[in-house]
Protein backbone atom coordinates (compact mmCIF):
# COMPACT_ATOMS: atom_id res chain seq x y z
CA MET A 1 -0.03 0.02 0.03
CA THR A 2 1.30 3.42 -0.80
CA ALA A 3 0.32 6.94 0.36
CA THR A 4 -1.57 7.46 -2.96
CA ASP A 5 -3.88 4.47 -2.14
CA THR A 6 -5.67 6.54 0.57
CA ASN A 7 -8.25 9.23 0.56
CA LEU A 8 -5.82 11.85 1.89
CA ALA A 9 -5.36 15.15 0.04
CA ASP A 10 -2.01 15.40 -1.69
CA ALA A 11 -0.82 18.09 0.71
CA ASP A 12 -1.53 15.79 3.63
CA ILE A 13 0.41 12.97 2.07
CA ALA A 14 3.34 15.26 1.26
CA LYS A 15 3.37 16.40 4.91
CA LEU A 16 3.38 12.80 6.18
CA GLU A 17 6.14 11.76 3.72
CA GLU A 18 8.33 14.58 5.19
CA GLN A 19 7.99 13.45 8.80
CA GLY A 20 11.16 12.32 10.46
CA VAL A 21 9.99 9.48 12.69
CA LEU A 22 13.10 9.80 14.98
CA ASP A 23 12.93 13.59 15.26
CA ARG A 24 13.27 14.30 18.96
CA GLU A 25 10.09 16.61 19.19
CA HIS A 26 7.98 13.51 18.37
CA TRP A 27 9.30 11.57 21.46
CA VAL A 28 9.25 14.17 24.25
CA ASP A 29 6.27 12.59 25.96
CA GLY A 30 7.04 8.99 24.98
CA PRO A 31 6.34 7.06 21.70
CA PRO A 32 4.57 9.22 19.12
CA HIS A 33 1.39 7.15 19.00
CA ALA A 34 -0.47 9.98 17.10
CA LEU A 35 2.18 10.17 14.38
CA PHE A 36 2.17 6.38 13.94
CA LYS A 37 -1.66 6.49 13.63
CA GLU A 38 -1.39 9.11 10.94
CA LEU A 39 1.27 7.04 9.13
CA ARG A 40 -0.86 3.91 9.28
CA GLY A 41 -3.72 5.87 7.69
CA GLY A 42 -1.87 7.77 5.03
CA CYS A 43 1.64 6.48 4.48
CA PRO A 44 1.83 2.99 6.10
CA VAL A 45 5.30 2.15 4.73
CA HIS A 46 7.21 5.33 5.40
CA TRP A 47 10.73 6.42 4.42
CA THR A 48 12.61 8.64 6.86
CA ARG A 49 15.42 10.02 4.72
CA GLU A 50 17.62 11.32 7.57
CA ILE A 51 18.21 11.20 11.29
CA ASN A 52 18.94 14.68 12.46
CA GLU A 53 21.02 13.62 15.49
CA PHE A 54 23.05 11.24 13.32
CA PRO A 55 23.56 13.00 9.99
CA GLU A 56 26.12 10.30 8.78
CA GLU A 57 23.31 7.65 8.81
CA GLY A 58 21.21 6.89 5.84
CA GLY A 59 17.38 6.76 6.13
CA PHE A 60 15.22 3.97 7.13
CA TRP A 61 11.82 2.41 6.52
CA SER A 62 8.89 2.31 9.08
CA VAL A 63 6.25 -0.34 8.54
CA THR A 64 3.24 0.75 10.52
CA THR A 65 0.20 -1.52 9.92
CA ALA A 66 -0.28 -4.84 11.51
CA GLU A 67 -0.80 -6.55 8.12
CA ASP A 68 2.40 -5.13 6.62
CA ILE A 69 4.40 -5.99 9.77
CA HIS A 70 3.05 -9.55 9.67
CA THR A 71 4.08 -9.78 5.90
CA VAL A 72 7.60 -8.44 6.60
CA SER A 73 8.29 -10.48 9.63
CA ARG A 74 7.29 -13.69 7.96
CA ASP A 75 9.27 -13.18 4.72
CA TRP A 76 12.89 -13.34 6.00
CA GLN A 77 14.33 -14.15 2.58
CA THR A 78 13.04 -10.68 1.28
CA TYR A 79 13.46 -8.72 4.50
CA SER A 80 16.51 -10.28 6.01
CA SER A 81 17.50 -9.17 9.52
CA GLU A 82 21.00 -10.52 9.19
CA LEU A 83 21.65 -8.09 6.27
CA GLY A 84 21.03 -5.04 8.64
CA GLY A 85 18.27 -2.57 8.87
CA VAL A 86 16.95 -3.65 12.23
CA THR A 87 18.25 -0.59 13.89
CA ALA A 88 18.09 2.98 12.65
CA VAL A 89 21.55 3.96 13.83
CA SER A 90 24.12 1.49 12.48
CA ALA A 91 27.14 3.64 13.43
CA ALA A 92 26.14 3.42 17.20
CA PHE A 93 24.81 -0.13 16.83
CA PRO A 94 26.98 -2.16 14.52
CA ILE A 95 25.58 -4.97 12.47
CA GLU A 96 27.73 -7.55 14.41
CA LEU A 97 25.97 -6.53 17.61
CA ALA A 98 22.49 -6.81 16.00
CA ARG A 99 23.34 -10.24 14.57
CA ALA A 100 24.13 -11.44 18.12
CA MET A 101 20.54 -10.77 19.20
CA PHE A 102 17.25 -12.41 18.11
CA ILE A 103 16.14 -9.34 16.13
CA GLY A 104 19.26 -9.56 14.01
CA MET A 105 18.89 -13.26 13.10
CA ASP A 106 17.23 -15.14 10.32
CA PRO A 107 16.14 -18.86 10.32
CA PRO A 108 17.54 -21.38 11.04
CA LYS A 109 19.70 -19.81 13.69
CA HIS A 110 16.88 -17.60 15.00
CA ASP A 111 14.56 -20.58 15.26
CA TRP A 112 17.07 -22.73 16.98
CA LEU A 113 17.93 -20.20 19.69
CA LYS A 114 14.18 -19.26 20.09
CA MET A 115 13.44 -22.99 20.83
CA LEU A 116 16.20 -23.01 23.51
CA PHE A 117 14.75 -19.87 25.19
CA GLN A 118 11.07 -21.01 25.00
CA ALA A 119 11.87 -23.98 27.22
CA GLY A 120 12.54 -21.55 30.09
CA PHE A 121 9.48 -19.32 29.47
CA THR A 122 6.53 -21.77 29.85
CA PRO A 123 3.59 -20.61 31.94
CA ARG A 124 4.66 -23.06 34.68
CA ARG A 125 8.28 -21.82 34.79
CA ILE A 126 7.18 -18.19 34.86
CA ALA A 127 4.64 -18.86 37.67
CA ALA A 128 7.37 -20.51 39.65
CA HIS A 129 9.33 -17.27 39.49
CA GLU A 130 6.41 -14.94 40.37
CA PRO A 131 7.17 -14.55 44.04
CA ALA A 132 10.79 -13.62 43.34
CA ILE A 133 9.82 -11.18 40.50
CA ARG A 134 7.19 -9.58 42.68
CA ALA A 135 9.54 -9.13 45.59
CA MET A 136 12.40 -7.77 43.38
CA SER A 137 10.03 -5.38 41.63
CA LEU A 138 8.53 -4.05 44.96
CA SER A 139 12.01 -3.65 46.54
CA ARG A 140 13.21 -1.62 43.56
CA PHE A 141 10.20 0.37 42.34
CA ALA A 142 8.58 1.39 45.68
CA PRO A 143 11.54 3.51 46.88
CA ALA A 144 11.85 4.95 43.42
CA SER A 145 8.39 6.35 43.36
CA ALA A 146 9.69 9.71 44.36
CA LEU A 147 12.09 9.73 41.35
CA THR A 148 9.39 10.08 38.68
CA GLY A 149 10.91 11.69 35.58
CA THR A 150 14.53 11.11 36.48
CA GLY A 151 15.27 8.28 34.09
CA ALA A 152 15.68 5.82 37.01
CA TRP A 153 12.81 3.64 35.91
CA PRO A 154 14.14 2.27 32.68
CA SER A 155 17.51 1.25 34.12
CA MET A 156 15.86 -0.55 36.94
CA ALA A 157 13.40 -2.34 34.59
CA ASP A 158 16.34 -3.48 32.51
CA SER A 159 18.12 -4.97 35.45
CA ASN A 160 14.97 -6.68 36.73
CA SER A 161 14.34 -8.17 33.32
CA SER A 162 17.94 -9.56 32.88
CA SER A 163 18.12 -10.82 36.37
CA ARG A 164 14.87 -12.75 36.09
CA ALA A 165 15.63 -13.97 32.60
CA ALA A 166 18.88 -15.47 33.90
CA GLY A 167 17.03 -17.08 36.70
CA THR A 168 14.38 -18.74 34.47
CA MET A 169 17.19 -20.38 32.52
CA ASN A 170 18.99 -21.49 35.71
CA ARG A 171 21.85 -19.13 35.12
CA PRO A 172 23.51 -16.82 37.57
CA SER A 173 22.72 -13.10 37.43
CA ILE A 174 25.13 -10.99 35.40
CA HIS A 175 25.49 -8.91 38.48
CA ALA A 176 28.41 -10.28 40.50
CA SER A 177 27.57 -8.33 43.60
CA GLY A 178 24.49 -10.40 44.28
CA ASP A 179 22.44 -7.25 44.23
CA ASP A 180 20.82 -8.17 40.94
CA ARG A 181 20.77 -4.49 39.91
């Protein structure tokens, strides 16, 4: 689907096509849900030609409708993750790093690793970890309630996730101090 397939006026389509999805002003209050809604309605496969904060980078495509995302995610031969393009800023996030994560892998490597991880994330295994996850979350987030807006929440969420993920796979936490943060 292209922007011309919609009922939008040409001027509205041109305005959408000029949007820089990563422009900082769109992200001040979190993800730009309104912008993505506009793109889904008028320019569902959108090209951002430049990243203002990383002028050395090329542009990138944003696929914004569920149907198109489903198509792209199922056709790894055409839309290969291993060839790059899964991150917008390749200078800060090299392809070798992306290829070491699920998002940067194609089958069969992706499928093999996914199968290994799924064994640790069954409903029964997750339920067995619920008391520890609940206690860890309460101990970290309750004292931080006064820190709203400081950026503390994302870093704590990341450490909680990695600590519990390690535990579900019967692996030690990456935090040698035993603090799990």
